[in-house]
C-alpha atoms as a PDB file:
ATOM      1  CA  UNK A   1       0.000   0.000   0.000  1.00  0.00           C
ATOM      2  CA  UNK A   2       1.390   3.388  -0.963  1.00  0.00           C
ATOM      3  CA  UNK A   3       0.785   6.726   0.714  1.00  0.00           C
ATOM      4  CA  UNK A   4       1.358  10.206  -0.606  1.00  0.00           C
ATOM      5  CA  UNK A   5       3.386  12.552   1.564  1.00  0.00           C
ATOM      6  CA  UNK A   6       3.938  16.229   0.893  1.00  0.00           C
ATOM      7  CA  UNK A   7       6.968  17.939   2.420  1.00  0.00           C
ATOM      8  CA  UNK A   8       8.510  21.375   2.072  1.00  0.00           C
ATOM      9  CA  UNK A   9      12.234  21.304   1.401  1.00  0.00           C
ATOM     10  CA  UNK A  10      14.896  23.932   0.916  1.00  0.00           C
ATOM     11  CA  UNK A  11      15.400  24.585  -2.804  1.00  0.00           C
ATOM     12  CA  UNK A  12      18.988  23.270  -2.732  1.00  0.00           C
ATOM     13  CA  UNK A  13      17.943  19.948  -1.209  1.00  0.00           C
ATOM     14  CA  UNK A  14      15.036  19.586  -3.635  1.00  0.00           C
ATOM     15  CA  UNK A  15      17.444  20.136  -6.553  1.00  0.00           C
ATOM     16  CA  UNK A  16      19.777  17.445  -5.195  1.00  0.00           C
ATOM     17  CA  UNK A  17      16.908  14.981  -4.834  1.00  0.00           C
ATOM     18  CA  UNK A  18      15.416  15.528  -8.265  1.00  0.00           C
ATOM     19  CA  UNK A  19      17.857  13.251 -10.152  1.00  0.00           C
ATOM     20  CA  UNK A  20      17.153  10.413  -7.710  1.00  0.00           C
ATOM     21  CA  UNK A  21      13.427  10.893  -7.200  1.00  0.00           C
ATOM     22  CA  UNK A  22      12.759   7.267  -8.143  1.00  0.00           C
ATOM     23  CA  UNK A  23      14.917   6.230  -5.166  1.00  0.00           C
ATOM     24  CA  UNK A  24      13.283   8.521  -2.572  1.00  0.00           C
ATOM     25  CA  UNK A  25      11.572   5.717  -0.605  1.00  0.00           C
ATOM     26  CA  UNK A  26      14.929   3.942  -0.193  1.00  0.00           C
ATOM     27  CA  UNK A  27      16.727   7.194   0.668  1.00  0.00           C
ATOM     28  CA  UNK A  28      14.140   7.965   3.343  1.00  0.00           C
ATOM     29  CA  UNK A  29      14.336   4.425   4.748  1.00  0.00           C
ATOM     30  CA  UNK A  30      18.135   4.579   5.005  1.00  0.00           C
ATOM     31  CA  UNK A  31      17.981   8.036   6.524  1.00  0.00           C
ATOM     32  CA  UNK A  32      15.479   6.903   9.143  1.00  0.00           C
ATOM     33  CA  UNK A  33      17.653   3.923  10.033  1.00  0.00           C
ATOM     34  CA  UNK A  34      20.656   6.203  10.447  1.00  0.00           C
ATOM     35  CA  UNK A  35      18.641   8.622  12.555  1.00  0.00           C
ATOM     36  CA  UNK A  36      17.416   5.795  14.773  1.00  0.00           C
ATOM     37  CA  UNK A  37      20.951   4.472  15.219  1.00  0.00           C
ATOM     38  CA  UNK A  38      22.265   7.895  16.167  1.00  0.00           C
ATOM     39  CA  UNK A  39      19.496   8.538  18.678  1.00  0.00           C
ATOM     40  CA  UNK A  40      20.155   5.246  20.479  1.00  0.00           C
ATOM     41  CA  UNK A  41      23.426   5.933  22.278  1.00  0.00           C
ATOM     42  CA  UNK A  42      23.925   2.313  23.295  1.00  0.00           C
ATOM     43  CA  UNK A  43      24.324   1.404  19.612  1.00  0.00           C
ATOM     44  CA  UNK A  44      26.528   4.335  18.644  1.00  0.00           C
ATOM     45  CA  UNK A  45      29.724   2.345  19.135  1.00  0.00           C
ATOM     46  CA  UNK A  46      28.350  -0.557  17.138  1.00  0.00           C
ATOM     47  CA  UNK A  47      27.292   1.741  14.305  1.00  0.00           C
ATOM     48  CA  UNK A  48      30.792   3.248  14.241  1.00  0.00           C
ATOM     49  CA  UNK A  49      32.377  -0.181  13.851  1.00  0.00           C
ATOM     50  CA  UNK A  50      29.968  -1.240  11.125  1.00  0.00           C
ATOM     51  CA  UNK A  51      30.519   2.040   9.262  1.00  0.00           C
ATOM     52  CA  UNK A  52      34.273   1.467   9.516  1.00  0.00           C
ATOM     53  CA  UNK A  53      34.010  -2.075   8.125  1.00  0.00           C
ATOM     54  CA  UNK A  54      31.654  -0.905   5.368  1.00  0.00           C
ATOM     55  CA  UNK A  55      34.329   1.546   4.220  1.00  0.00           C
ATOM     56  CA  UNK A  56      36.448  -1.456   3.114  1.00  0.00           C
ATOM     57  CA  UNK A  57      39.541  -0.535   5.145  1.00  0.00           C
ATOM     58  CA  UNK A  58      43.010  -1.899   4.512  1.00  0.00           C
ATOM     59  CA  UNK A  59      44.002  -5.062   6.431  1.00  0.00           C
ATOM     60  CA  UNK A  60      46.317  -3.058   8.702  1.00  0.00           C
ATOM     61  CA  UNK A  61      43.430  -0.787   9.668  1.00  0.00           C
ATOM     62  CA  UNK A  62      41.208  -3.758  10.474  1.00  0.00           C
ATOM     63  CA  UNK A  63      43.876  -5.348  12.661  1.00  0.00           C
ATOM     64  CA  UNK A  64      44.263  -2.048  14.545  1.00  0.00           C
ATOM     65  CA  UNK A  65      40.500  -1.663  15.091  1.00  0.00           C
ATOM     66  CA  UNK A  66      39.502  -1.162  18.724  1.00  0.00           C
ATOM     67  CA  UNK A  67      36.124  -0.350  20.250  1.00  0.00           C
ATOM     68  CA  UNK A  68      35.389   3.198  21.321  1.00  0.00           C
ATOM     69  CA  UNK A  69      35.540   4.067  25.011  1.00  0.00           C
ATOM     70  CA  UNK A  70      31.747   4.459  25.020  1.00  0.00           C
ATOM     71  CA  UNK A  71      31.289   0.962  23.583  1.00  0.00           C
ATOM     72  CA  UNK A  72      33.786  -0.547  26.038  1.00  0.00           C
ATOM     73  CA  UNK A  73      31.986   1.174  28.917  1.00  0.00           C
ATOM     74  CA  UNK A  74      28.577  -0.066  27.770  1.00  0.00           C
ATOM     75  CA  UNK A  75      29.796  -3.655  27.410  1.00  0.00           C
ATOM     76  CA  UNK A  76      31.453  -3.456  30.841  1.00  0.00           C
ATOM     77  CA  UNK A  77      28.185  -2.132  32.332  1.00  0.00           C
ATOM     78  CA  UNK A  78      26.174  -4.956  30.783  1.00  0.00           C
ATOM     79  CA  UNK A  79      28.660  -7.562  32.016  1.00  0.00           C
ATOM     80  CA  UNK A  80      28.561  -6.157  35.540  1.00  0.00           C
ATOM     81  CA  UNK A  81      24.775  -5.968  35.566  1.00  0.00           C
ATOM     82  CA  UNK A  82      24.538  -9.526  34.262  1.00  0.00           C
ATOM     83  CA  UNK A  83      26.819 -10.735  37.089  1.00  0.00           C
ATOM     84  CA  UNK A  84      24.906  -8.883  39.797  1.00  0.00           C
ATOM     85  CA  UNK A  85      21.180  -8.471  39.128  1.00  0.00           C
ATOM     86  CA  UNK A  86      20.716  -9.855  35.624  1.00  0.00           C
ATOM     87  CA  UNK A  87      19.768  -8.219  32.351  1.00  0.00           C
ATOM     88  CA  UNK A  88      16.344  -7.087  31.207  1.00  0.00           C
ATOM     89  CA  UNK A  89      14.996  -8.581  27.982  1.00  0.00           C
ATOM     90  CA  UNK A  90      16.047  -5.434  26.079  1.00  0.00           C
ATOM     91  CA  UNK A  91      19.517  -5.525  27.600  1.00  0.00           C
ATOM     92  CA  UNK A  92      19.820  -9.225  26.740  1.00  0.00           C
ATOM     93  CA  UNK A  93      18.986  -8.442  23.092  1.00  0.00           C
ATOM     94  CA  UNK A  94      21.510  -5.611  23.153  1.00  0.00           C
ATOM     95  CA  UNK A  95      24.148  -7.985  24.587  1.00  0.00           C
ATOM     96  CA  UNK A  96      23.419 -10.529  21.869  1.00  0.00           C
ATOM     97  CA  UNK A  97      23.883  -7.823  19.232  1.00  0.00           C
ATOM     98  CA  UNK A  98      27.260  -6.928  20.733  1.00  0.00           C
ATOM     99  CA  UNK A  99      28.239 -10.595  20.727  1.00  0.00           C
ATOM    100  CA  UNK A 100      27.370 -10.834  17.043  1.00  0.00           C
ATOM    101  CA  UNK A 101      29.262  -7.619  16.319  1.00  0.00           C
ATOM    102  CA  UNK A 102      32.307  -9.058  18.081  1.00  0.00           C
ATOM    103  CA  UNK A 103      31.972 -12.192  15.951  1.00  0.00           C
ATOM    104  CA  UNK A 104      31.959 -10.081  12.767  1.00  0.00           C
ATOM    105  CA  UNK A 105      34.997  -8.100  13.891  1.00  0.00           C
ATOM    106  CA  UNK A 106      36.906 -11.283  14.763  1.00  0.00           C
ATOM    107  CA  UNK A 107      36.149 -12.700  11.307  1.00  0.00           C
ATOM    108  CA  UNK A 108      37.273  -9.460   9.654  1.00  0.00           C
ATOM    109  CA  UNK A 109      40.479  -9.466  11.695  1.00  0.00           C
ATOM    110  CA  UNK A 110      41.179 -13.121  10.871  1.00  0.00           C
ATOM    111  CA  UNK A 111      40.831 -12.396   7.165  1.00  0.00           C
ATOM    112  CA  UNK A 112      42.975  -9.281   7.511  1.00  0.00           C
ATOM    113  CA  UNK A 113      45.728 -11.306   9.240  1.00  0.00           C
ATOM    114  CA  UNK A 114      45.595 -13.869   6.424  1.00  0.00           C
ATOM    115  CA  UNK A 115      45.927 -11.119   3.807  1.00  0.00           C
ATOM    116  CA  UNK A 116      48.846  -9.590   5.647  1.00  0.00           C
ATOM    117  CA  UNK A 117      50.529 -12.978   6.053  1.00  0.00           C
ATOM    118  CA  UNK A 118      50.100 -13.658   2.319  1.00  0.00           C
ATOM    119  CA  UNK A 119      51.666 -10.367   1.247  1.00  0.00           C
END
């Protein structure tokens, strides 16, 4: 089902969107996802890592990748809370997302090490 939405935009932005008007639903969807990620501080560190990996960095950059202080602090907080009082359902889902993110980073680092070893 489609809906019609009317919005007022600055002229410059409207001009930039005109060549891609057939892609506006996708552009809006991606923009909303980005906005949601930015407004959820607990995922900011995860979004930073995924953005970094999506930039197709060199193997040396991948090997040097470390979590931000904010991400380290959040993971430490979740670990401590899990040891003491336990996690809420939302915190458990968040923890599982961090575990999966760590898995992806480990795979990227393993491949980067192999590339470096082969060169």
